[in-house]
């Protein structure tokens, strides 16, 4: 059974590119949300194996979405890979150390993202 991935990003072009790549190359079942609010709702409904979450989004940024997800059982145990064009160390530290989540800087190759997803799924036993 393929791993279920939820992509949350406000950039539709990025969502479609990642969705197509992860379905084709990774064999994942991929669902998309183009806002933080929609992403939280889908996470609760779908219970994905992993969430790929952009940091820079309007209204509710990725850090706010992450905090909400981590405070809500049963979705609090879903691993999250943060994806962003930001490269500042404080953002990386907040994602990596405060929440124990992965951080990948954009642009990212599909093969690298697949590798990180596989690693997270193996480590957490969610697949």
PDB file of N, CA and C in Angstrom:
ATOM      1  N   UNK A   1       0.841  -1.186   0.000  1.00  0.00           N
ATOM      2  CA  UNK A   1       0.000   0.000   0.000  1.00  0.00           C
ATOM      3  C   UNK A   1       0.882   1.244   0.000  1.00  0.00           C
ATOM      4  N   UNK A   2       0.616   2.185  -0.903  1.00  0.00           N
ATOM      5  CA  UNK A   2       1.472   3.379  -0.960  1.00  0.00           C
ATOM      6  C   UNK A   2       1.278   4.267   0.260  1.00  0.00           C
ATOM      7  N   UNK A   3       2.332   4.980   0.609  1.00  0.00           N
ATOM      8  CA  UNK A   3       2.224   5.935   1.700  1.00  0.00           C
ATOM      9  C   UNK A   3       1.315   7.083   1.295  1.00  0.00           C
ATOM     10  N   UNK A   4       0.572   7.595   2.258  1.00  0.00           N
ATOM     11  CA  UNK A   4      -0.350   8.705   2.002  1.00  0.00           C
ATOM     12  C   UNK A   4       0.330   9.999   2.423  1.00  0.00           C
ATOM     13  N   UNK A   5       0.456  10.930   1.481  1.00  0.00           N
ATOM     14  CA  UNK A   5       1.141  12.202   1.701  1.00  0.00           C
ATOM     15  C   UNK A   5       0.135  13.341   1.561  1.00  0.00           C
ATOM     16  N   UNK A   6       0.205  14.297   2.487  1.00  0.00           N
ATOM     17  CA  UNK A   6      -0.586  15.525   2.381  1.00  0.00           C
ATOM     18  C   UNK A   6       0.366  16.682   2.131  1.00  0.00           C
ATOM     19  N   UNK A   7       0.194  17.378   1.013  1.00  0.00           N
ATOM     20  CA  UNK A   7       0.985  18.560   0.671  1.00  0.00           C
ATOM     21  C   UNK A   7       0.178  19.802   1.017  1.00  0.00           C
ATOM     22  N   UNK A   8       0.792  20.724   1.773  1.00  0.00           N
ATOM     23  CA  UNK A   8       0.128  21.985   2.114  1.00  0.00           C
ATOM     24  C   UNK A   8       1.021  23.131   1.648  1.00  0.00           C
ATOM     25  N   UNK A   9       0.548  23.883   0.666  1.00  0.00           N
ATOM     26  CA  UNK A   9       1.312  24.994   0.095  1.00  0.00           C
ATOM     27  C   UNK A   9       0.320  25.931  -0.585  1.00  0.00           C
ATOM     28  N   UNK A  10       0.563  27.220  -0.527  1.00  0.00           N
ATOM     29  CA  UNK A  10      -0.345  28.171  -1.175  1.00  0.00           C
ATOM     30  C   UNK A  10      -0.036  28.357  -2.656  1.00  0.00           C
ATOM     31  N   UNK A  11       1.076  27.836  -3.140  1.00  0.00           N
ATOM     32  CA  UNK A  11       1.461  27.975  -4.547  1.00  0.00           C
ATOM     33  C   UNK A  11       0.957  26.764  -5.333  1.00  0.00           C
ATOM     34  N   UNK A  12      -0.078  26.971  -6.142  1.00  0.00           N
ATOM     35  CA  UNK A  12      -0.691  25.864  -6.874  1.00  0.00           C
ATOM     36  C   UNK A  12       0.273  25.180  -7.829  1.00  0.00           C
ATOM     37  N   UNK A  13       1.144  25.956  -8.468  1.00  0.00           N
ATOM     38  CA  UNK A  13       2.119  25.369  -9.385  1.00  0.00           C
ATOM     39  C   UNK A  13       3.046  24.418  -8.631  1.00  0.00           C
ATOM     40  N   UNK A  14       3.501  24.818  -7.455  1.00  0.00           N
ATOM     41  CA  UNK A  14       4.367  23.974  -6.634  1.00  0.00           C
ATOM     42  C   UNK A  14       3.614  22.717  -6.190  1.00  0.00           C
ATOM     43  N   UNK A  15       2.369  22.885  -5.742  1.00  0.00           N
ATOM     44  CA  UNK A  15       1.561  21.732  -5.321  1.00  0.00           C
ATOM     45  C   UNK A  15       1.426  20.714  -6.444  1.00  0.00           C
ATOM     46  N   UNK A  16       1.084  21.191  -7.631  1.00  0.00           N
ATOM     47  CA  UNK A  16       0.882  20.282  -8.759  1.00  0.00           C
ATOM     48  C   UNK A  16       2.167  19.593  -9.180  1.00  0.00           C
ATOM     49  N   UNK A  17       3.288  20.324  -9.170  1.00  0.00           N
ATOM     50  CA  UNK A  17       4.569  19.729  -9.534  1.00  0.00           C
ATOM     51  C   UNK A  17       4.962  18.642  -8.529  1.00  0.00           C
ATOM     52  N   UNK A  18       4.847  18.954  -7.235  1.00  0.00           N
ATOM     53  CA  UNK A  18       5.205  17.975  -6.204  1.00  0.00           C
ATOM     54  C   UNK A  18       4.257  16.780  -6.224  1.00  0.00           C
ATOM     55  N   UNK A  19       2.980  17.034  -6.399  1.00  0.00           N
ATOM     56  CA  UNK A  19       1.988  15.948  -6.439  1.00  0.00           C
ATOM     57  C   UNK A  19       2.291  14.981  -7.574  1.00  0.00           C
ATOM     58  N   UNK A  20       2.481  15.522  -8.773  1.00  0.00           N
ATOM     59  CA  UNK A  20       2.775  14.684  -9.934  1.00  0.00           C
ATOM     60  C   UNK A  20       4.065  13.896  -9.732  1.00  0.00           C
ATOM     61  N   UNK A  21       5.102  14.575  -9.259  1.00  0.00           N
ATOM     62  CA  UNK A  21       6.385  13.910  -9.048  1.00  0.00           C
ATOM     63  C   UNK A  21       6.324  12.815  -8.002  1.00  0.00           C
ATOM     64  N   UNK A  22       5.683  13.090  -6.875  1.00  0.00           N
ATOM     65  CA  UNK A  22       5.615  12.097  -5.803  1.00  0.00           C
ATOM     66  C   UNK A  22       4.729  10.910  -6.174  1.00  0.00           C
ATOM     67  N   UNK A  23       3.697  11.148  -6.965  1.00  0.00           N
ATOM     68  CA  UNK A  23       2.862  10.034  -7.428  1.00  0.00           C
ATOM     69  C   UNK A  23       3.610   9.195  -8.453  1.00  0.00           C
ATOM     70  N   UNK A  24       4.306   9.857  -9.376  1.00  0.00           N
ATOM     71  CA  UNK A  24       4.996   9.164 -10.458  1.00  0.00           C
ATOM     72  C   UNK A  24       6.268   8.476  -9.980  1.00  0.00           C
ATOM     73  N   UNK A  25       7.150   9.231  -9.359  1.00  0.00           N
ATOM     74  CA  UNK A  25       8.449   8.709  -8.934  1.00  0.00           C
ATOM     75  C   UNK A  25       8.340   7.919  -7.633  1.00  0.00           C
ATOM     76  N   UNK A  26       7.547   8.444  -6.704  1.00  0.00           N
ATOM     77  CA  UNK A  26       7.489   7.835  -5.383  1.00  0.00           C
ATOM     78  C   UNK A  26       6.418   6.792  -5.197  1.00  0.00           C
ATOM     79  N   UNK A  27       5.417   6.795  -6.066  1.00  0.00           N
ATOM     80  CA  UNK A  27       4.320   5.857  -5.910  1.00  0.00           C
ATOM     81  C   UNK A  27       3.422   6.163  -4.720  1.00  0.00           C
ATOM     82  N   UNK A  28       3.451   7.407  -4.248  1.00  0.00           N
ATOM     83  CA  UNK A  28       2.654   7.803  -3.091  1.00  0.00           C
ATOM     84  C   UNK A  28       1.226   8.167  -3.500  1.00  0.00           C
ATOM     85  N   UNK A  29       0.319   8.052  -2.554  1.00  0.00           N
ATOM     86  CA  UNK A  29      -1.034   8.588  -2.697  1.00  0.00           C
ATOM     87  C   UNK A  29      -0.959  10.011  -2.154  1.00  0.00           C
ATOM     88  N   UNK A  30      -1.149  11.009  -3.015  1.00  0.00           N
ATOM     89  CA  UNK A  30      -0.905  12.400  -2.634  1.00  0.00           C
ATOM     90  C   UNK A  30      -2.202  13.210  -2.641  1.00  0.00           C
ATOM     91  N   UNK A  31      -2.419  13.941  -1.551  1.00  0.00           N
ATOM     92  CA  UNK A  31      -3.552  14.858  -1.422  1.00  0.00           C
ATOM     93  C   UNK A  31      -2.981  16.260  -1.240  1.00  0.00           C
ATOM     94  N   UNK A  32      -3.708  17.281  -1.710  1.00  0.00           N
ATOM     95  CA  UNK A  32      -3.189  18.646  -1.627  1.00  0.00           C
ATOM     96  C   UNK A  32      -4.173  19.584  -0.934  1.00  0.00           C
ATOM     97  N   UNK A  33      -3.594  20.589  -0.295  1.00  0.00           N
ATOM     98  CA  UNK A  33      -4.359  21.675   0.324  1.00  0.00           C
ATOM     99  C   UNK A  33      -3.612  22.960   0.023  1.00  0.00           C
ATOM    100  N   UNK A  34      -4.328  24.024  -0.352  1.00  0.00           N
ATOM    101  CA  UNK A  34      -3.617  25.261  -0.693  1.00  0.00           C
ATOM    102  C   UNK A  34      -3.763  26.345   0.368  1.00  0.00           C
ATOM    103  N   UNK A  35      -4.083  25.945   1.602  1.00  0.00           N
ATOM    104  CA  UNK A  35      -4.059  26.882   2.732  1.00  0.00           C
ATOM    105  C   UNK A  35      -3.829  26.086   4.013  1.00  0.00           C
ATOM    106  N   UNK A  36      -3.379  26.778   5.032  1.00  0.00           N
ATOM    107  CA  UNK A  36      -3.157  26.124   6.311  1.00  0.00           C
ATOM    108  C   UNK A  36      -4.432  25.552   6.900  1.00  0.00           C
ATOM    109  N   UNK A  37      -5.498  26.327   6.846  1.00  0.00           N
ATOM    110  CA  UNK A  37      -6.786  25.889   7.396  1.00  0.00           C
ATOM    111  C   UNK A  37      -7.280  24.626   6.699  1.00  0.00           C
ATOM    112  N   UNK A  38      -7.223  24.629   5.363  1.00  0.00           N
ATOM    113  CA  UNK A  38      -7.644  23.451   4.603  1.00  0.00           C
ATOM    114  C   UNK A  38      -6.743  22.258   4.925  1.00  0.00           C
ATOM    115  N   UNK A  39      -5.444  22.512   5.081  1.00  0.00           N
ATOM    116  CA  UNK A  39      -4.503  21.446   5.406  1.00  0.00           C
ATOM    117  C   UNK A  39      -4.803  20.785   6.743  1.00  0.00           C
ATOM    118  N   UNK A  40      -5.133  21.586   7.751  1.00  0.00           N
ATOM    119  CA  UNK A  40      -5.475  21.040   9.069  1.00  0.00           C
ATOM    120  C   UNK A  40      -6.731  20.177   8.969  1.00  0.00           C
ATOM    121  N   UNK A  41      -7.722  20.659   8.239  1.00  0.00           N
ATOM    122  CA  UNK A  41      -8.962  19.890   8.065  1.00  0.00           C
ATOM    123  C   UNK A  41      -8.699  18.566   7.349  1.00  0.00           C
ATOM    124  N   UNK A  42      -7.890  18.610   6.278  1.00  0.00           N
ATOM    125  CA  UNK A  42      -7.571  17.378   5.547  1.00  0.00           C
ATOM    126  C   UNK A  42      -6.746  16.420   6.395  1.00  0.00           C
ATOM    127  N   UNK A  43      -5.828  16.944   7.185  1.00  0.00           N
ATOM    128  CA  UNK A  43      -5.021  16.081   8.057  1.00  0.00           C
ATOM    129  C   UNK A  43      -5.923  15.318   9.018  1.00  0.00           C
ATOM    130  N   UNK A  44      -6.887  15.989   9.581  1.00  0.00           N
ATOM    131  CA  UNK A  44      -7.828  15.333  10.506  1.00  0.00           C
ATOM    132  C   UNK A  44      -8.667  14.277   9.792  1.00  0.00           C
ATOM    133  N   UNK A  45      -9.087  14.585   8.577  1.00  0.00           N
ATOM    134  CA  UNK A  45      -9.955  13.669   7.836  1.00  0.00           C
ATOM    135  C   UNK A  45      -9.196  12.481   7.243  1.00  0.00           C
ATOM    136  N   UNK A  46      -7.996  12.738   6.699  1.00  0.00           N
ATOM    137  CA  UNK A  46      -7.257  11.706   5.970  1.00  0.00           C
ATOM    138  C   UNK A  46      -6.284  10.902   6.829  1.00  0.00           C
ATOM    139  N   UNK A  47      -5.806  11.490   7.920  1.00  0.00           N
ATOM    140  CA  UNK A  47      -4.755  10.877   8.736  1.00  0.00           C
ATOM    141  C   UNK A  47      -3.595  10.385   7.854  1.00  0.00           C
ATOM    142  N   UNK A  48      -2.927  11.304   7.150  1.00  0.00           N
ATOM    143  CA  UNK A  48      -1.850  10.903   6.240  1.00  0.00           C
ATOM    144  C   UNK A  48      -0.657  10.324   6.998  1.00  0.00           C
ATOM    145  N   UNK A  49       0.208   9.638   6.257  1.00  0.00           N
ATOM    146  CA  UNK A  49       1.425   9.082   6.851  1.00  0.00           C
ATOM    147  C   UNK A  49       2.465  10.161   7.090  1.00  0.00           C
ATOM    148  N   UNK A  50       2.444  11.195   6.258  1.00  0.00           N
ATOM    149  CA  UNK A  50       3.393  12.306   6.387  1.00  0.00           C
ATOM    150  C   UNK A  50       2.763  13.557   5.773  1.00  0.00           C
ATOM    151  N   UNK A  51       3.146  14.707   6.318  1.00  0.00           N
ATOM    152  CA  UNK A  51       2.678  15.992   5.800  1.00  0.00           C
ATOM    153  C   UNK A  51       3.883  16.779   5.309  1.00  0.00           C
ATOM    154  N   UNK A  52       3.790  17.323   4.098  1.00  0.00           N
ATOM    155  CA  UNK A  52       4.796  18.236   3.558  1.00  0.00           C
ATOM    156  C   UNK A  52       4.174  19.620   3.662  1.00  0.00           C
ATOM    157  N   UNK A  53       4.811  20.511   4.412  1.00  0.00           N
ATOM    158  CA  UNK A  53       4.193  21.787   4.776  1.00  0.00           C
ATOM    159  C   UNK A  53       5.100  22.963   4.436  1.00  0.00           C
ATOM    160  N   UNK A  54       4.598  23.867   3.602  1.00  0.00           N
ATOM    161  CA  UNK A  54       5.331  25.092   3.277  1.00  0.00           C
ATOM    162  C   UNK A  54       5.254  26.052   4.460  1.00  0.00           C
ATOM    163  N   UNK A  55       6.301  26.812   4.680  1.00  0.00           N
ATOM    164  CA  UNK A  55       6.322  27.762   5.793  1.00  0.00           C
ATOM    165  C   UNK A  55       5.671  29.085   5.409  1.00  0.00           C
ATOM    166  N   UNK A  56       6.015  29.617   4.241  1.00  0.00           N
ATOM    167  CA  UNK A  56       5.532  30.951   3.849  1.00  0.00           C
ATOM    168  C   UNK A  56       4.179  30.866   3.156  1.00  0.00           C
ATOM    169  N   UNK A  57       3.127  31.057   3.940  1.00  0.00           N
ATOM    170  CA  UNK A  57       1.769  31.079   3.403  1.00  0.00           C
ATOM    171  C   UNK A  57       1.026  32.247   4.045  1.00  0.00           C
ATOM    172  N   UNK A  58       0.076  32.843   3.302  1.00  0.00           N
ATOM    173  CA  UNK A  58      -0.705  33.949   3.877  1.00  0.00           C
ATOM    174  C   UNK A  58      -1.707  33.439   4.910  1.00  0.00           C
ATOM    175  N   UNK A  59      -2.221  34.344   5.698  1.00  0.00           N
ATOM    176  CA  UNK A  59      -3.222  34.091   6.741  1.00  0.00           C
ATOM    177  C   UNK A  59      -2.683  33.213   7.856  1.00  0.00           C
ATOM    178  N   UNK A  60      -2.343  31.971   7.582  1.00  0.00           N
ATOM    179  CA  UNK A  60      -1.825  31.052   8.590  1.00  0.00           C
ATOM    180  C   UNK A  60      -0.541  30.448   8.032  1.00  0.00           C
ATOM    181  N   UNK A  61       0.617  30.873   8.584  1.00  0.00           N
ATOM    182  CA  UNK A  61       1.873  30.370   8.027  1.00  0.00           C
ATOM    183  C   UNK A  61       2.140  28.936   8.495  1.00  0.00           C
ATOM    184  N   UNK A  62       3.164  28.334   7.915  1.00  0.00           N
ATOM    185  CA  UNK A  62       3.467  26.939   8.196  1.00  0.00           C
ATOM    186  C   UNK A  62       3.796  26.646   9.648  1.00  0.00           C
ATOM    187  N   UNK A  63       4.467  27.570  10.328  1.00  0.00           N
ATOM    188  CA  UNK A  63       4.784  27.368  11.747  1.00  0.00           C
ATOM    189  C   UNK A  63       3.493  27.339  12.566  1.00  0.00           C
ATOM    190  N   UNK A  64       2.554  28.219  12.250  1.00  0.00           N
ATOM    191  CA  UNK A  64       1.256  28.217  12.952  1.00  0.00           C
ATOM    192  C   UNK A  64       0.484  26.925  12.678  1.00  0.00           C
ATOM    193  N   UNK A  65       0.536  26.461  11.434  1.00  0.00           N
ATOM    194  CA  UNK A  65      -0.115  25.199  11.084  1.00  0.00           C
ATOM    195  C   UNK A  65       0.535  24.061  11.865  1.00  0.00           C
ATOM    196  N   UNK A  66       1.872  24.045  11.901  1.00  0.00           N
ATOM    197  CA  UNK A  66       2.601  23.007  12.628  1.00  0.00           C
ATOM    198  C   UNK A  66       2.212  22.997  14.108  1.00  0.00           C
ATOM    199  N   UNK A  67       2.170  24.159  14.727  1.00  0.00           N
ATOM    200  CA  UNK A  67       1.775  24.248  16.146  1.00  0.00           C
ATOM    201  C   UNK A  67       0.368  23.689  16.359  1.00  0.00           C
ATOM    202  N   UNK A  68      -0.543  24.036  15.461  1.00  0.00           N
ATOM    203  CA  UNK A  68      -1.915  23.543  15.577  1.00  0.00           C
ATOM    204  C   UNK A  68      -1.961  22.031  15.418  1.00  0.00           C
ATOM    205  N   UNK A  69      -1.261  21.513  14.410  1.00  0.00           N
ATOM    206  CA  UNK A  69      -1.240  20.066  14.190  1.00  0.00           C
ATOM    207  C   UNK A  69      -0.660  19.330  15.398  1.00  0.00           C
ATOM    208  N   UNK A  70       0.406  19.854  15.959  1.00  0.00           N
ATOM    209  CA  UNK A  70       1.078  19.175  17.072  1.00  0.00           C
ATOM    210  C   UNK A  70       0.288  19.269  18.375  1.00  0.00           C
ATOM    211  N   UNK A  71      -0.706  20.154  18.418  1.00  0.00           N
ATOM    212  CA  UNK A  71      -1.518  20.283  19.632  1.00  0.00           C
ATOM    213  C   UNK A  71      -2.830  19.503  19.546  1.00  0.00           C
ATOM    214  N   UNK A  72      -3.107  18.899  18.412  1.00  0.00           N
ATOM    215  CA  UNK A  72      -4.391  18.218  18.199  1.00  0.00           C
ATOM    216  C   UNK A  72      -4.196  16.711  18.046  1.00  0.00           C
ATOM    217  N   UNK A  73      -4.682  15.963  19.022  1.00  0.00           N
ATOM    218  CA  UNK A  73      -4.654  14.515  18.909  1.00  0.00           C
ATOM    219  C   UNK A  73      -5.838  14.109  18.034  1.00  0.00           C
ATOM    220  N   UNK A  74      -5.785  13.177  17.105  1.00  0.00           N
ATOM    221  CA  UNK A  74      -4.735  12.217  16.833  1.00  0.00           C
ATOM    222  C   UNK A  74      -3.716  12.654  15.783  1.00  0.00           C
ATOM    223  N   UNK A  75      -3.869  13.838  15.193  1.00  0.00           N
ATOM    224  CA  UNK A  75      -2.933  14.254  14.143  1.00  0.00           C
ATOM    225  C   UNK A  75      -1.586  14.697  14.696  1.00  0.00           C
ATOM    226  N   UNK A  76      -1.455  14.828  16.000  1.00  0.00           N
ATOM    227  CA  UNK A  76      -0.195  15.302  16.588  1.00  0.00           C
ATOM    228  C   UNK A  76       0.970  14.353  16.327  1.00  0.00           C
ATOM    229  N   UNK A  77       0.687  13.091  16.045  1.00  0.00           N
ATOM    230  CA  UNK A  77       1.753  12.124  15.797  1.00  0.00           C
ATOM    231  C   UNK A  77       2.181  12.007  14.350  1.00  0.00           C
ATOM    232  N   UNK A  78       1.529  12.740  13.466  1.00  0.00           N
ATOM    233  CA  UNK A  78       1.885  12.668  12.046  1.00  0.00           C
ATOM    234  C   UNK A  78       3.187  13.428  11.824  1.00  0.00           C
ATOM    235  N   UNK A  79       4.200  12.774  11.223  1.00  0.00           N
ATOM    236  CA  UNK A  79       5.444  13.494  10.945  1.00  0.00           C
ATOM    237  C   UNK A  79       5.234  14.566   9.881  1.00  0.00           C
ATOM    238  N   UNK A  80       5.965  15.664  10.039  1.00  0.00           N
ATOM    239  CA  UNK A  80       5.847  16.807   9.135  1.00  0.00           C
ATOM    240  C   UNK A  80       7.223  17.137   8.573  1.00  0.00           C
ATOM    241  N   UNK A  81       7.287  17.333   7.270  1.00  0.00           N
ATOM    242  CA  UNK A  81       8.497  17.824   6.616  1.00  0.00           C
ATOM    243  C   UNK A  81       8.204  19.254   6.193  1.00  0.00           C
ATOM    244  N   UNK A  82       8.934  20.201   6.778  1.00  0.00           N
ATOM    245  CA  UNK A  82       8.758  21.614   6.456  1.00  0.00           C
ATOM    246  C   UNK A  82       9.531  21.921   5.179  1.00  0.00           C
ATOM    247  N   UNK A  83       8.906  22.673   4.299  1.00  0.00           N
ATOM    248  CA  UNK A  83       9.483  23.004   3.004  1.00  0.00           C
ATOM    249  C   UNK A  83       9.401  24.510   2.831  1.00  0.00           C
ATOM    250  N   UNK A  84      10.537  25.152   2.542  1.00  0.00           N
ATOM    251  CA  UNK A  84      10.501  26.606   2.422  1.00  0.00           C
ATOM    252  C   UNK A  84      11.681  27.141   1.635  1.00  0.00           C
ATOM    253  N   UNK A  85      11.475  28.316   1.080  1.00  0.00           N
ATOM    254  CA  UNK A  85      12.576  29.023   0.425  1.00  0.00           C
ATOM    255  C   UNK A  85      13.383  29.810   1.447  1.00  0.00           C
ATOM    256  N   UNK A  86      12.883  29.914   2.676  1.00  0.00           N
ATOM    257  CA  UNK A  86      13.626  30.608   3.739  1.00  0.00           C
ATOM    258  C   UNK A  86      14.863  29.802   4.115  1.00  0.00           C
ATOM    259  N   UNK A  87      15.941  30.509   4.371  1.00  0.00           N
ATOM    260  CA  UNK A  87      17.166  29.800   4.739  1.00  0.00           C
ATOM    261  C   UNK A  87      17.737  30.261   6.071  1.00  0.00           C
ATOM    262  N   UNK A  88      16.970  31.062   6.826  1.00  0.00           N
ATOM    263  CA  UNK A  88      17.518  31.560   8.085  1.00  0.00           C
ATOM    264  C   UNK A  88      17.558  30.450   9.135  1.00  0.00           C
ATOM    265  N   UNK A  89      18.576  30.493   9.956  1.00  0.00           N
ATOM    266  CA  UNK A  89      18.818  29.449  10.947  1.00  0.00           C
ATOM    267  C   UNK A  89      17.737  29.374  12.017  1.00  0.00           C
ATOM    268  N   UNK A  90      17.158  30.505  12.407  1.00  0.00           N
ATOM    269  CA  UNK A  90      16.147  30.468  13.468  1.00  0.00           C
ATOM    270  C   UNK A  90      14.912  29.677  13.030  1.00  0.00           C
ATOM    271  N   UNK A  91      14.532  29.796  11.767  1.00  0.00           N
ATOM    272  CA  UNK A  91      13.388  29.031  11.263  1.00  0.00           C
ATOM    273  C   UNK A  91      13.711  27.546  11.250  1.00  0.00           C
ATOM    274  N   UNK A  92      14.897  27.201  10.776  1.00  0.00           N
ATOM    275  CA  UNK A  92      15.308  25.797  10.760  1.00  0.00           C
ATOM    276  C   UNK A  92      15.339  25.228  12.173  1.00  0.00           C
ATOM    277  N   UNK A  93      15.895  25.991  13.109  1.00  0.00           N
ATOM    278  CA  UNK A  93      15.996  25.517  14.488  1.00  0.00           C
ATOM    279  C   UNK A  93      14.617  25.307  15.095  1.00  0.00           C
ATOM    280  N   UNK A  94      13.698  26.222  14.836  1.00  0.00           N
ATOM    281  CA  UNK A  94      12.348  26.079  15.383  1.00  0.00           C
ATOM    282  C   UNK A  94      11.693  24.805  14.859  1.00  0.00           C
ATOM    283  N   UNK A  95      11.859  24.534  13.577  1.00  0.00           N
ATOM    284  CA  UNK A  95      11.274  23.324  12.990  1.00  0.00           C
ATOM    285  C   UNK A  95      11.970  22.065  13.498  1.00  0.00           C
ATOM    286  N   UNK A  96      13.287  22.080  13.486  1.00  0.00           N
ATOM    287  CA  UNK A  96      14.053  20.885  13.829  1.00  0.00           C
ATOM    288  C   UNK A  96      14.104  20.588  15.315  1.00  0.00           C
ATOM    289  N   UNK A  97      14.310  21.589  16.120  1.00  0.00           N
ATOM    290  CA  UNK A  97      14.553  21.345  17.535  1.00  0.00           C
ATOM    291  C   UNK A  97      13.301  21.473  18.396  1.00  0.00           C
ATOM    292  N   UNK A  98      12.497  22.481  18.141  1.00  0.00           N
ATOM    293  CA  UNK A  98      11.290  22.651  18.956  1.00  0.00           C
ATOM    294  C   UNK A  98      10.258  21.571  18.649  1.00  0.00           C
ATOM    295  N   UNK A  99      10.140  21.216  17.382  1.00  0.00           N
ATOM    296  CA  UNK A  99       9.110  20.259  16.986  1.00  0.00           C
ATOM    297  C   UNK A  99       9.669  18.927  16.506  1.00  0.00           C
ATOM    298  N   UNK A 100      10.973  18.820  16.347  1.00  0.00           N
ATOM    299  CA  UNK A 100      11.579  17.573  15.904  1.00  0.00           C
ATOM    300  C   UNK A 100      11.208  17.191  14.487  1.00  0.00           C
ATOM    301  N   UNK A 101      10.955  18.180  13.676  1.00  0.00           N
ATOM    302  CA  UNK A 101      10.521  17.912  12.308  1.00  0.00           C
ATOM    303  C   UNK A 101      11.646  18.187  11.311  1.00  0.00           C
ATOM    304  N   UNK A 102      11.527  17.578  10.153  1.00  0.00           N
ATOM    305  CA  UNK A 102      12.484  17.754   9.066  1.00  0.00           C
ATOM    306  C   UNK A 102      12.296  19.131   8.427  1.00  0.00           C
ATOM    307  N   UNK A 103      13.364  19.645   7.825  1.00  0.00           N
ATOM    308  CA  UNK A 103      13.315  20.930   7.131  1.00  0.00           C
ATOM    309  C   UNK A 103      14.060  20.773   5.817  1.00  0.00           C
ATOM    310  N   UNK A 104      13.409  21.106   4.723  1.00  0.00           N
ATOM    311  CA  UNK A 104      14.041  21.057   3.402  1.00  0.00           C
ATOM    312  C   UNK A 104      13.877  22.420   2.758  1.00  0.00           C
ATOM    313  N   UNK A 105      14.964  22.911   2.188  1.00  0.00           N
ATOM    314  CA  UNK A 105      14.917  24.212   1.525  1.00  0.00           C
ATOM    315  C   UNK A 105      14.526  24.047   0.060  1.00  0.00           C
ATOM    316  N   UNK A 106      13.630  24.921  -0.419  1.00  0.00           N
ATOM    317  CA  UNK A 106      13.252  24.967  -1.835  1.00  0.00           C
ATOM    318  C   UNK A 106      14.373  25.619  -2.620  1.00  0.00           C
ATOM    319  N   UNK A 107      14.544  25.314  -3.870  1.00  0.00           N
ATOM    320  CA  UNK A 107      13.852  24.256  -4.600  1.00  0.00           C
ATOM    321  C   UNK A 107      14.380  22.883  -4.187  1.00  0.00           C
ATOM    322  N   UNK A 108      13.529  21.882  -4.295  1.00  0.00           N
ATOM    323  CA  UNK A 108      13.910  20.527  -3.908  1.00  0.00           C
ATOM    324  C   UNK A 108      13.617  19.584  -5.072  1.00  0.00           C
ATOM    325  N   UNK A 109      14.557  18.673  -5.300  1.00  0.00           N
ATOM    326  CA  UNK A 109      14.355  17.657  -6.333  1.00  0.00           C
ATOM    327  C   UNK A 109      13.399  16.592  -5.797  1.00  0.00           C
ATOM    328  N   UNK A 110      12.563  16.065  -6.665  1.00  0.00           N
ATOM    329  CA  UNK A 110      11.599  15.040  -6.262  1.00  0.00           C
ATOM    330  C   UNK A 110      12.319  13.835  -5.656  1.00  0.00           C
ATOM    331  N   UNK A 111      13.442  13.441  -6.241  1.00  0.00           N
ATOM    332  CA  UNK A 111      14.182  12.285  -5.717  1.00  0.00           C
ATOM    333  C   UNK A 111      14.638  12.530  -4.280  1.00  0.00           C
ATOM    334  N   UNK A 112      15.092  13.742  -3.976  1.00  0.00           N
ATOM    335  CA  UNK A 112      15.515  14.079  -2.608  1.00  0.00           C
ATOM    336  C   UNK A 112      14.324  14.087  -1.662  1.00  0.00           C
ATOM    337  N   UNK A 113      13.210  14.634  -2.096  1.00  0.00           N
ATOM    338  CA  UNK A 113      12.016  14.666  -1.253  1.00  0.00           C
ATOM    339  C   UNK A 113      11.517  13.245  -0.988  1.00  0.00           C
ATOM    340  N   UNK A 114      11.516  12.396  -2.015  1.00  0.00           N
ATOM    341  CA  UNK A 114      11.111  10.999  -1.841  1.00  0.00           C
ATOM    342  C   UNK A 114      12.009  10.308  -0.823  1.00  0.00           C
ATOM    343  N   UNK A 115      13.302  10.546  -0.933  1.00  0.00           N
ATOM    344  CA  UNK A 115      14.266   9.952   0.000  1.00  0.00           C
ATOM    345  C   UNK A 115      13.961  10.377   1.437  1.00  0.00           C
ATOM    346  N   UNK A 116      13.675  11.650   1.644  1.00  0.00           N
ATOM    347  CA  UNK A 116      13.363  12.155   2.988  1.00  0.00           C
ATOM    348  C   UNK A 116      12.049  11.576   3.501  1.00  0.00           C
ATOM    349  N   UNK A 117      11.051  11.489   2.622  1.00  0.00           N
ATOM    350  CA  UNK A 117       9.767  10.902   3.023  1.00  0.00           C
ATOM    351  C   UNK A 117       9.967   9.445   3.426  1.00  0.00           C
ATOM    352  N   UNK A 118      10.673   8.684   2.598  1.00  0.00           N
ATOM    353  CA  UNK A 118      10.937   7.275   2.913  1.00  0.00           C
ATOM    354  C   UNK A 118      11.648   7.135   4.251  1.00  0.00           C
ATOM    355  N   UNK A 119      12.608   8.015   4.508  1.00  0.00           N
ATOM    356  CA  UNK A 119      13.349   7.988   5.768  1.00  0.00           C
ATOM    357  C   UNK A 119      12.432   8.262   6.959  1.00  0.00           C
ATOM    358  N   UNK A 120      11.592   9.273   6.833  1.00  0.00           N
ATOM    359  CA  UNK A 120      10.649   9.615   7.909  1.00  0.00           C
ATOM    360  C   UNK A 120       9.671   8.467   8.145  1.00  0.00           C
ATOM    361  N   UNK A 121       9.146   7.891   7.074  1.00  0.00           N
ATOM    362  CA  UNK A 121       8.191   6.793   7.215  1.00  0.00           C
ATOM    363  C   UNK A 121       8.839   5.568   7.849  1.00  0.00           C
ATOM    364  N   UNK A 122      10.079   5.276   7.467  1.00  0.00           N
ATOM    365  CA  UNK A 122      10.786   4.140   8.066  1.00  0.00           C
ATOM    366  C   UNK A 122      11.051   4.384   9.553  1.00  0.00           C
ATOM    367  N   UNK A 123      11.449   5.600   9.886  1.00  0.00           N
ATOM    368  CA  UNK A 123      11.770   5.947  11.273  1.00  0.00           C
ATOM    369  C   UNK A 123      10.536   5.921  12.173  1.00  0.00           C
ATOM    370  N   UNK A 124       9.410   6.348  11.635  1.00  0.00           N
ATOM    371  CA  UNK A 124       8.196   6.443  12.450  1.00  0.00           C
ATOM    372  C   UNK A 124       7.302   5.214  12.347  1.00  0.00           C
ATOM    373  N   UNK A 125       7.582   4.348  11.380  1.00  0.00           N
ATOM    374  CA  UNK A 125       6.776   3.140  11.210  1.00  0.00           C
ATOM    375  C   UNK A 125       5.360   3.406  10.744  1.00  0.00           C
ATOM    376  N   UNK A 126       5.149   4.523  10.072  1.00  0.00           N
ATOM    377  CA  UNK A 126       3.786   4.885   9.649  1.00  0.00           C
ATOM    378  C   UNK A 126       3.393   4.277   8.311  1.00  0.00           C
ATOM    379  N   UNK A 127       4.285   3.601   7.642  1.00  0.00           N
ATOM    380  CA  UNK A 127       3.933   3.037   6.332  1.00  0.00           C
ATOM    381  C   UNK A 127       3.794   1.549   6.439  1.00  0.00           C
TER     382      UNK A 127
END
